[in-house]
Amino acid sequence: MILMTLDAIDIKILNLLQTDGRMSNLELAEKVFLSASSCLRRVRLLEDAGMISRYSAILSPTALGLEVDAFVQVTMRRDVEHWHENFLASLQAWPEVVGSFIITGEANYLLRVRARSLKHFSAFVLEKLYKTSGVLDIRSNIVLQTLKDTQAIAPELLGE
């Protein structure tokens, strides 16, 4: 990984690519007023520095029939040997979990879970989550309406 300081052009490149990752290098170069080769060089440096971690399509869960979106707090029993490692291993096998985080507070983990229906969500909690060794408590919050959901990083946070 390369350490680098971002300038205004780098910040603009990052912002444009996170808005449209399918933008051609030529179109990107035109928007940041660079030659195509200079622009490509900068993009490669941003990738090498780990500032661009991947390119992907953003799918619509509701259009794909995933009606339930939930945030689940999981608290573990600390007297169970290897509780963290066991939970991490189980977590990797659960397709319903689309995000997982170690958090502060009373719970150990926060999971974002997507399911086709409330029945599917209930089956996930009862048949997978509760049956995981070391799980002490589970608290679920079903999303009623999404107000903001983005992974985009605002240019203001990048130094622009």
N, C-alpha and C. Protein backbone atom coordinates (compact mmCIF):
# COMPACT_ATOMS: atom_id res chain seq x y z
N MET A 1 0.84 -1.17 0.00
CA MET A 1 0.00 0.00 0.00
C MET A 1 0.89 1.24 0.00
N ILE A 2 0.51 2.21 -0.80
CA ILE A 2 1.28 3.45 -0.95
C ILE A 2 0.63 4.54 -0.10
N LEU A 3 1.43 5.30 0.65
CA LEU A 3 0.92 6.46 1.37
C LEU A 3 0.95 7.64 0.43
N MET A 4 -0.15 8.39 0.40
CA MET A 4 -0.19 9.56 -0.48
C MET A 4 -1.10 10.62 0.11
N THR A 5 -0.84 11.85 -0.27
CA THR A 5 -1.66 12.98 0.13
C THR A 5 -2.58 13.30 -1.04
N LEU A 6 -3.85 13.49 -0.75
CA LEU A 6 -4.82 13.79 -1.80
C LEU A 6 -4.80 15.26 -2.15
N ASP A 7 -4.83 15.55 -3.45
CA ASP A 7 -5.01 16.92 -3.89
C ASP A 7 -6.43 17.06 -4.43
N ALA A 8 -6.80 18.25 -4.89
CA ALA A 8 -8.17 18.51 -5.35
C ALA A 8 -8.58 17.61 -6.51
N ILE A 9 -7.63 17.29 -7.40
CA ILE A 9 -7.95 16.43 -8.54
C ILE A 9 -8.21 15.00 -8.06
N ASP A 10 -7.40 14.50 -7.13
CA ASP A 10 -7.62 13.16 -6.57
C ASP A 10 -9.00 13.07 -5.92
N ILE A 11 -9.35 14.08 -5.16
CA ILE A 11 -10.65 14.11 -4.48
C ILE A 11 -11.78 14.11 -5.50
N LYS A 12 -11.62 14.87 -6.57
CA LYS A 12 -12.65 14.90 -7.62
C LYS A 12 -12.76 13.53 -8.31
N ILE A 13 -11.63 12.89 -8.57
CA ILE A 13 -11.63 11.55 -9.18
C ILE A 13 -12.37 10.58 -8.27
N LEU A 14 -12.05 10.57 -6.99
CA LEU A 14 -12.71 9.67 -6.05
C LEU A 14 -14.21 9.91 -6.01
N ASN A 15 -14.61 11.17 -5.95
CA ASN A 15 -16.02 11.51 -5.88
C ASN A 15 -16.75 11.07 -7.15
N LEU A 16 -16.16 11.31 -8.32
CA LEU A 16 -16.79 10.90 -9.58
C LEU A 16 -16.90 9.38 -9.69
N LEU A 17 -15.86 8.67 -9.30
CA LEU A 17 -15.89 7.21 -9.41
C LEU A 17 -16.86 6.57 -8.43
N GLN A 18 -17.01 7.15 -7.24
CA GLN A 18 -17.98 6.55 -6.32
C GLN A 18 -19.41 6.87 -6.72
N THR A 19 -19.59 7.88 -7.56
CA THR A 19 -20.91 8.19 -8.10
C THR A 19 -21.21 7.30 -9.30
N ASP A 20 -20.19 7.05 -10.13
CA ASP A 20 -20.36 6.22 -11.32
C ASP A 20 -19.08 5.44 -11.59
N GLY A 21 -19.00 4.26 -11.02
CA GLY A 21 -17.81 3.42 -11.16
C GLY A 21 -17.63 2.85 -12.55
N ARG A 22 -18.66 2.98 -13.41
CA ARG A 22 -18.56 2.47 -14.78
C ARG A 22 -18.08 3.54 -15.76
N MET A 23 -17.82 4.73 -15.26
CA MET A 23 -17.36 5.82 -16.10
C MET A 23 -16.05 5.42 -16.78
N SER A 24 -15.96 5.69 -18.07
CA SER A 24 -14.72 5.36 -18.78
C SER A 24 -13.59 6.29 -18.33
N ASN A 25 -12.37 5.82 -18.49
CA ASN A 25 -11.22 6.65 -18.14
C ASN A 25 -11.21 7.94 -18.95
N LEU A 26 -11.60 7.88 -20.23
CA LEU A 26 -11.62 9.07 -21.07
C LEU A 26 -12.62 10.10 -20.54
N GLU A 27 -13.82 9.63 -20.17
CA GLU A 27 -14.83 10.53 -19.62
C GLU A 27 -14.36 11.12 -18.29
N LEU A 28 -13.76 10.30 -17.46
CA LEU A 28 -13.23 10.76 -16.18
C LEU A 28 -12.15 11.81 -16.40
N ALA A 29 -11.24 11.54 -17.32
CA ALA A 29 -10.15 12.48 -17.62
C ALA A 29 -10.69 13.82 -18.07
N GLU A 30 -11.73 13.80 -18.91
CA GLU A 30 -12.33 15.05 -19.38
C GLU A 30 -12.94 15.84 -18.23
N LYS A 31 -13.57 15.15 -17.29
CA LYS A 31 -14.23 15.83 -16.17
C LYS A 31 -13.25 16.44 -15.17
N VAL A 32 -12.02 15.88 -15.11
CA VAL A 32 -11.03 16.42 -14.18
C VAL A 32 -9.93 17.19 -14.91
N PHE A 33 -10.12 17.38 -16.21
CA PHE A 33 -9.21 18.19 -17.03
C PHE A 33 -7.78 17.66 -17.05
N LEU A 34 -7.67 16.33 -17.25
CA LEU A 34 -6.37 15.69 -17.40
C LEU A 34 -6.34 14.90 -18.70
N SER A 35 -5.14 14.56 -19.15
CA SER A 35 -5.04 13.63 -20.28
C SER A 35 -5.48 12.26 -19.79
N ALA A 36 -5.89 11.40 -20.70
CA ALA A 36 -6.34 10.06 -20.32
C ALA A 36 -5.24 9.28 -19.60
N SER A 37 -4.00 9.41 -20.08
CA SER A 37 -2.90 8.66 -19.44
C SER A 37 -2.61 9.19 -18.03
N SER A 38 -2.63 10.50 -17.84
CA SER A 38 -2.41 11.08 -16.50
C SER A 38 -3.52 10.68 -15.55
N CYS A 39 -4.74 10.67 -16.05
CA CYS A 39 -5.88 10.29 -15.22
C CYS A 39 -5.77 8.82 -14.81
N LEU A 40 -5.45 7.95 -15.75
CA LEU A 40 -5.32 6.53 -15.46
C LEU A 40 -4.20 6.29 -14.44
N ARG A 41 -3.11 7.02 -14.56
CA ARG A 41 -2.01 6.90 -13.63
C ARG A 41 -2.47 7.26 -12.20
N ARG A 42 -3.25 8.34 -12.10
CA ARG A 42 -3.75 8.75 -10.78
C ARG A 42 -4.72 7.72 -10.21
N VAL A 43 -5.60 7.18 -11.05
CA VAL A 43 -6.54 6.17 -10.58
C VAL A 43 -5.78 4.95 -10.07
N ARG A 44 -4.76 4.52 -10.79
CA ARG A 44 -3.95 3.36 -10.37
C ARG A 44 -3.26 3.64 -9.04
N LEU A 45 -2.76 4.86 -8.85
CA LEU A 45 -2.13 5.23 -7.56
C LEU A 45 -3.16 5.20 -6.43
N LEU A 46 -4.37 5.68 -6.69
CA LEU A 46 -5.43 5.65 -5.68
C LEU A 46 -5.81 4.20 -5.33
N GLU A 47 -5.82 3.33 -6.34
CA GLU A 47 -6.09 1.91 -6.09
C GLU A 47 -4.96 1.29 -5.28
N ASP A 48 -3.71 1.55 -5.68
CA ASP A 48 -2.55 0.99 -4.98
C ASP A 48 -2.47 1.47 -3.53
N ALA A 49 -2.94 2.68 -3.28
CA ALA A 49 -2.93 3.24 -1.93
C ALA A 49 -4.09 2.71 -1.09
N GLY A 50 -4.96 1.92 -1.70
CA GLY A 50 -6.09 1.34 -0.98
C GLY A 50 -7.26 2.28 -0.81
N MET A 51 -7.21 3.44 -1.46
CA MET A 51 -8.31 4.40 -1.34
C MET A 51 -9.51 3.97 -2.19
N ILE A 52 -9.26 3.23 -3.24
CA ILE A 52 -10.32 2.59 -4.00
C ILE A 52 -10.13 1.09 -3.74
N SER A 53 -11.07 0.52 -3.02
CA SER A 53 -10.90 -0.89 -2.64
C SER A 53 -11.51 -1.86 -3.63
N ARG A 54 -12.55 -1.44 -4.35
CA ARG A 54 -13.17 -2.31 -5.36
C ARG A 54 -14.20 -1.53 -6.16
N TYR A 55 -14.64 -2.15 -7.24
CA TYR A 55 -15.72 -1.60 -8.06
C TYR A 55 -16.84 -2.63 -8.04
N SER A 56 -18.08 -2.16 -7.92
CA SER A 56 -19.19 -3.12 -7.88
C SER A 56 -20.50 -2.46 -8.30
N ALA A 57 -21.49 -3.31 -8.56
CA ALA A 57 -22.85 -2.84 -8.84
C ALA A 57 -23.61 -2.84 -7.52
N ILE A 58 -24.49 -1.87 -7.35
CA ILE A 58 -25.32 -1.82 -6.15
C ILE A 58 -26.69 -2.38 -6.52
N LEU A 59 -27.05 -3.49 -5.90
CA LEU A 59 -28.30 -4.16 -6.20
C LEU A 59 -29.42 -3.60 -5.33
N SER A 60 -30.64 -3.68 -5.82
CA SER A 60 -31.80 -3.23 -5.06
C SER A 60 -32.41 -4.41 -4.32
N PRO A 61 -32.27 -4.46 -2.99
CA PRO A 61 -32.83 -5.59 -2.23
C PRO A 61 -34.34 -5.75 -2.44
N THR A 62 -35.08 -4.65 -2.45
CA THR A 62 -36.54 -4.77 -2.60
C THR A 62 -36.91 -5.28 -3.99
N ALA A 63 -36.21 -4.82 -5.02
CA ALA A 63 -36.48 -5.31 -6.37
C ALA A 63 -36.15 -6.80 -6.50
N LEU A 64 -35.25 -7.28 -5.66
CA LEU A 64 -34.85 -8.69 -5.69
C LEU A 64 -35.67 -9.54 -4.72
N GLY A 65 -36.68 -8.93 -4.10
CA GLY A 65 -37.58 -9.69 -3.23
C GLY A 65 -37.14 -9.84 -1.80
N LEU A 66 -36.16 -9.05 -1.36
CA LEU A 66 -35.74 -9.08 0.05
C LEU A 66 -36.51 -8.00 0.80
N GLU A 67 -37.60 -8.39 1.42
CA GLU A 67 -38.53 -7.45 2.05
C GLU A 67 -38.11 -6.99 3.44
N VAL A 68 -37.30 -7.81 4.13
CA VAL A 68 -36.94 -7.48 5.52
C VAL A 68 -35.49 -7.01 5.59
N ASP A 69 -35.31 -5.88 6.24
CA ASP A 69 -33.99 -5.31 6.53
C ASP A 69 -33.97 -5.11 8.05
N ALA A 70 -33.00 -5.69 8.71
CA ALA A 70 -32.97 -5.62 10.17
C ALA A 70 -31.55 -5.40 10.68
N PHE A 71 -31.45 -4.74 11.80
CA PHE A 71 -30.19 -4.59 12.52
C PHE A 71 -30.32 -5.42 13.79
N VAL A 72 -29.36 -6.30 14.00
CA VAL A 72 -29.43 -7.25 15.10
C VAL A 72 -28.19 -7.10 15.98
N GLN A 73 -28.43 -6.83 17.27
CA GLN A 73 -27.34 -6.77 18.24
C GLN A 73 -27.19 -8.14 18.88
N VAL A 74 -25.96 -8.62 18.94
CA VAL A 74 -25.68 -9.93 19.50
C VAL A 74 -24.70 -9.77 20.67
N THR A 75 -25.10 -10.30 21.82
CA THR A 75 -24.24 -10.29 23.00
C THR A 75 -23.81 -11.73 23.25
N MET A 76 -22.53 -11.90 23.51
CA MET A 76 -21.95 -13.22 23.68
C MET A 76 -21.66 -13.53 25.14
N ARG A 77 -21.67 -14.82 25.46
CA ARG A 77 -21.23 -15.31 26.77
C ARG A 77 -19.72 -15.39 26.73
N ARG A 78 -19.08 -14.77 27.66
CA ARG A 78 -17.61 -14.75 27.65
C ARG A 78 -16.99 -15.96 28.35
N ASP A 79 -17.84 -16.78 28.96
CA ASP A 79 -17.31 -17.98 29.61
C ASP A 79 -17.20 -19.16 28.65
N VAL A 80 -17.65 -18.96 27.41
CA VAL A 80 -17.54 -20.01 26.38
C VAL A 80 -16.19 -19.84 25.68
N GLU A 81 -15.43 -20.91 25.66
CA GLU A 81 -14.10 -20.87 25.05
C GLU A 81 -14.19 -20.55 23.56
N HIS A 82 -13.33 -19.66 23.10
CA HIS A 82 -13.22 -19.26 21.68
C HIS A 82 -14.54 -18.68 21.14
N TRP A 83 -15.29 -17.99 21.97
CA TRP A 83 -16.59 -17.46 21.55
C TRP A 83 -16.47 -16.55 20.33
N HIS A 84 -15.45 -15.70 20.29
CA HIS A 84 -15.30 -14.77 19.18
C HIS A 84 -14.96 -15.52 17.89
N GLU A 85 -14.01 -16.40 17.93
CA GLU A 85 -13.60 -17.16 16.74
C GLU A 85 -14.74 -18.02 16.21
N ASN A 86 -15.48 -18.65 17.12
CA ASN A 86 -16.62 -19.48 16.71
C ASN A 86 -17.71 -18.65 16.05
N PHE A 87 -17.96 -17.47 16.61
CA PHE A 87 -18.99 -16.61 16.03
C PHE A 87 -18.57 -16.13 14.64
N LEU A 88 -17.31 -15.74 14.50
CA LEU A 88 -16.82 -15.29 13.20
C LEU A 88 -16.91 -16.39 12.15
N ALA A 89 -16.61 -17.62 12.52
CA ALA A 89 -16.71 -18.74 11.58
C ALA A 89 -18.15 -18.96 11.16
N SER A 90 -19.08 -18.90 12.10
CA SER A 90 -20.50 -19.06 11.77
C SER A 90 -20.98 -17.93 10.87
N LEU A 91 -20.57 -16.73 11.20
CA LEU A 91 -20.98 -15.54 10.47
C LEU A 91 -20.67 -15.63 8.98
N GLN A 92 -19.55 -16.20 8.64
CA GLN A 92 -19.14 -16.30 7.23
C GLN A 92 -20.08 -17.19 6.42
N ALA A 93 -20.80 -18.09 7.07
CA ALA A 93 -21.68 -19.02 6.37
C ALA A 93 -23.11 -18.52 6.23
N TRP A 94 -23.41 -17.35 6.77
CA TRP A 94 -24.78 -16.86 6.76
C TRP A 94 -24.98 -15.84 5.64
N PRO A 95 -25.64 -16.21 4.55
CA PRO A 95 -25.86 -15.26 3.46
C PRO A 95 -26.80 -14.11 3.83
N GLU A 96 -27.61 -14.31 4.86
CA GLU A 96 -28.53 -13.25 5.28
C GLU A 96 -27.81 -12.04 5.86
N VAL A 97 -26.62 -12.26 6.40
CA VAL A 97 -25.86 -11.17 7.02
C VAL A 97 -25.09 -10.43 5.92
N VAL A 98 -25.47 -9.17 5.69
CA VAL A 98 -24.82 -8.36 4.65
C VAL A 98 -23.84 -7.34 5.23
N GLY A 99 -23.84 -7.20 6.54
CA GLY A 99 -22.89 -6.32 7.22
C GLY A 99 -22.71 -6.80 8.65
N SER A 100 -21.48 -6.74 9.15
CA SER A 100 -21.24 -7.15 10.53
C SER A 100 -20.15 -6.28 11.13
N PHE A 101 -20.36 -5.94 12.39
CA PHE A 101 -19.48 -4.98 13.04
C PHE A 101 -19.27 -5.37 14.49
N ILE A 102 -18.06 -5.17 15.00
CA ILE A 102 -17.80 -5.25 16.43
C ILE A 102 -18.09 -3.86 16.96
N ILE A 103 -18.87 -3.78 18.03
CA ILE A 103 -19.33 -2.48 18.51
C ILE A 103 -19.01 -2.28 19.99
N THR A 104 -19.14 -1.02 20.41
CA THR A 104 -19.02 -0.69 21.83
C THR A 104 -20.40 -0.81 22.46
N GLY A 105 -20.44 -0.79 23.76
CA GLY A 105 -21.72 -0.89 24.46
C GLY A 105 -21.90 -2.29 25.03
N GLU A 106 -23.14 -2.63 25.35
CA GLU A 106 -23.42 -3.91 26.00
C GLU A 106 -23.29 -5.08 25.03
N ALA A 107 -23.70 -4.90 23.79
CA ALA A 107 -23.62 -5.99 22.80
C ALA A 107 -22.20 -6.07 22.23
N ASN A 108 -21.86 -7.22 21.69
CA ASN A 108 -20.54 -7.41 21.08
C ASN A 108 -20.55 -7.13 19.59
N TYR A 109 -21.67 -7.46 18.93
CA TYR A 109 -21.73 -7.35 17.47
C TYR A 109 -23.03 -6.67 17.04
N LEU A 110 -22.96 -6.01 15.90
CA LEU A 110 -24.13 -5.48 15.23
C LEU A 110 -24.14 -6.09 13.83
N LEU A 111 -25.24 -6.75 13.49
CA LEU A 111 -25.38 -7.37 12.18
C LEU A 111 -26.47 -6.67 11.38
N ARG A 112 -26.23 -6.51 10.09
CA ARG A 112 -27.30 -6.07 9.19
C ARG A 112 -27.75 -7.31 8.44
N VAL A 113 -29.03 -7.61 8.57
CA VAL A 113 -29.58 -8.84 8.02
C VAL A 113 -30.64 -8.52 6.98
N ARG A 114 -30.56 -9.18 5.84
CA ARG A 114 -31.58 -9.08 4.79
C ARG A 114 -32.26 -10.43 4.65
N ALA A 115 -33.59 -10.41 4.55
CA ALA A 115 -34.36 -11.65 4.41
C ALA A 115 -35.53 -11.44 3.45
N ARG A 116 -35.98 -12.55 2.87
CA ARG A 116 -37.09 -12.48 1.91
C ARG A 116 -38.39 -12.08 2.59
N SER A 117 -38.57 -12.49 3.83
CA SER A 117 -39.83 -12.26 4.55
C SER A 117 -39.57 -12.30 6.05
N LEU A 118 -40.59 -11.97 6.82
CA LEU A 118 -40.47 -12.05 8.27
C LEU A 118 -40.28 -13.51 8.70
N LYS A 119 -40.90 -14.43 7.99
CA LYS A 119 -40.73 -15.86 8.27
C LYS A 119 -39.27 -16.28 8.04
N HIS A 120 -38.69 -15.82 6.95
CA HIS A 120 -37.27 -16.12 6.66
C HIS A 120 -36.37 -15.50 7.74
N PHE A 121 -36.64 -14.27 8.13
CA PHE A 121 -35.86 -13.61 9.18
C PHE A 121 -35.96 -14.39 10.49
N SER A 122 -37.18 -14.78 10.85
CA SER A 122 -37.40 -15.53 12.08
C SER A 122 -36.63 -16.86 12.05
N ALA A 123 -36.64 -17.54 10.92
CA ALA A 123 -35.91 -18.80 10.79
C ALA A 123 -34.41 -18.56 10.94
N PHE A 124 -33.90 -17.47 10.38
CA PHE A 124 -32.48 -17.15 10.54
C PHE A 124 -32.13 -16.98 12.02
N VAL A 125 -32.94 -16.20 12.73
CA VAL A 125 -32.66 -15.94 14.15
C VAL A 125 -32.76 -17.22 14.97
N LEU A 126 -33.83 -17.98 14.77
CA LEU A 126 -34.06 -19.16 15.60
C LEU A 126 -33.18 -20.35 15.24
N GLU A 127 -32.95 -20.56 13.96
CA GLU A 127 -32.23 -21.77 13.53
C GLU A 127 -30.74 -21.57 13.34
N LYS A 128 -30.30 -20.34 13.16
CA LYS A 128 -28.87 -20.10 12.97
C LYS A 128 -28.28 -19.31 14.13
N LEU A 129 -28.81 -18.13 14.35
CA LEU A 129 -28.20 -17.22 15.33
C LEU A 129 -28.30 -17.77 16.76
N TYR A 130 -29.50 -18.16 17.20
CA TYR A 130 -29.67 -18.67 18.57
C TYR A 130 -28.92 -19.97 18.80
N LYS A 131 -28.68 -20.73 17.75
CA LYS A 131 -28.00 -22.02 17.90
C LYS A 131 -26.48 -21.91 17.86
N THR A 132 -25.97 -20.70 17.73
CA THR A 132 -24.52 -20.49 17.69
C THR A 132 -23.96 -20.52 19.10
N SER A 133 -22.94 -21.31 19.29
CA SER A 133 -22.31 -21.46 20.60
C SER A 133 -21.85 -20.11 21.15
N GLY A 134 -22.26 -19.82 22.37
CA GLY A 134 -21.82 -18.60 23.04
C GLY A 134 -22.78 -17.44 22.96
N VAL A 135 -23.81 -17.54 22.14
CA VAL A 135 -24.76 -16.42 22.03
C VAL A 135 -25.59 -16.34 23.31
N LEU A 136 -25.59 -15.17 23.93
CA LEU A 136 -26.32 -14.94 25.18
C LEU A 136 -27.63 -14.19 24.93
N ASP A 137 -27.56 -13.13 24.09
CA ASP A 137 -28.73 -12.28 23.89
C ASP A 137 -28.75 -11.75 22.46
N ILE A 138 -29.95 -11.63 21.92
CA ILE A 138 -30.15 -11.09 20.57
C ILE A 138 -31.24 -10.04 20.65
N ARG A 139 -30.97 -8.87 20.09
CA ARG A 139 -31.97 -7.80 20.04
C ARG A 139 -32.08 -7.33 18.60
N SER A 140 -33.28 -7.44 18.05
CA SER A 140 -33.49 -7.11 16.64
C SER A 140 -34.26 -5.81 16.49
N ASN A 141 -33.89 -5.06 15.47
CA ASN A 141 -34.60 -3.85 15.08
C ASN A 141 -34.91 -3.98 13.60
N ILE A 142 -36.20 -4.07 13.28
CA ILE A 142 -36.63 -4.17 11.89
C ILE A 142 -36.72 -2.76 11.32
N VAL A 143 -36.15 -2.56 10.14
CA VAL A 143 -36.20 -1.25 9.48
C VAL A 143 -37.59 -1.05 8.89
N LEU A 144 -38.25 0.04 9.27
CA LEU A 144 -39.56 0.36 8.72
C LEU A 144 -39.44 1.20 7.45
N GLN A 145 -38.45 2.09 7.45
CA GLN A 145 -38.22 2.95 6.29
C GLN A 145 -36.77 3.40 6.31
N THR A 146 -36.13 3.36 5.16
CA THR A 146 -34.74 3.79 5.06
C THR A 146 -34.71 5.26 4.67
N LEU A 147 -34.04 6.07 5.47
CA LEU A 147 -33.94 7.50 5.20
C LEU A 147 -32.65 7.85 4.47
N LYS A 148 -31.58 7.16 4.81
CA LYS A 148 -30.29 7.38 4.15
C LYS A 148 -29.49 6.09 4.26
N ASP A 149 -28.95 5.64 3.15
CA ASP A 149 -28.17 4.41 3.13
C ASP A 149 -27.14 4.54 2.02
N THR A 150 -25.94 4.90 2.37
CA THR A 150 -24.91 5.10 1.37
C THR A 150 -23.57 4.63 1.90
N GLN A 151 -22.71 4.23 1.01
CA GLN A 151 -21.33 3.95 1.38
C GLN A 151 -20.44 5.04 0.81
N ALA A 152 -21.04 5.98 0.08
CA ALA A 152 -20.27 7.08 -0.51
C ALA A 152 -19.70 7.96 0.60
N ILE A 153 -18.46 8.38 0.42
CA ILE A 153 -17.81 9.28 1.36
C ILE A 153 -17.89 10.69 0.78
N ALA A 154 -18.47 11.60 1.56
CA ALA A 154 -18.67 12.98 1.10
C ALA A 154 -17.33 13.67 0.85
N PRO A 155 -17.25 14.47 -0.20
CA PRO A 155 -16.00 15.19 -0.50
C PRO A 155 -15.51 16.03 0.68
N GLU A 156 -16.42 16.54 1.51
CA GLU A 156 -16.04 17.35 2.67
C GLU A 156 -15.17 16.55 3.63
N LEU A 157 -15.40 15.25 3.69
CA LEU A 157 -14.61 14.40 4.57
C LEU A 157 -13.27 14.02 3.98
N LEU A 158 -13.12 14.24 2.68
CA LEU A 158 -11.87 13.93 1.99
C LEU A 158 -10.91 15.10 1.99
N GLY A 159 -11.38 16.26 2.42
CA GLY A 159 -10.52 17.42 2.48
C GLY A 159 -10.80 18.47 1.44
N GLU A 160 -11.87 18.29 0.66
CA GLU A 160 -12.19 19.29 -0.38
C GLU A 160 -12.84 20.49 0.24
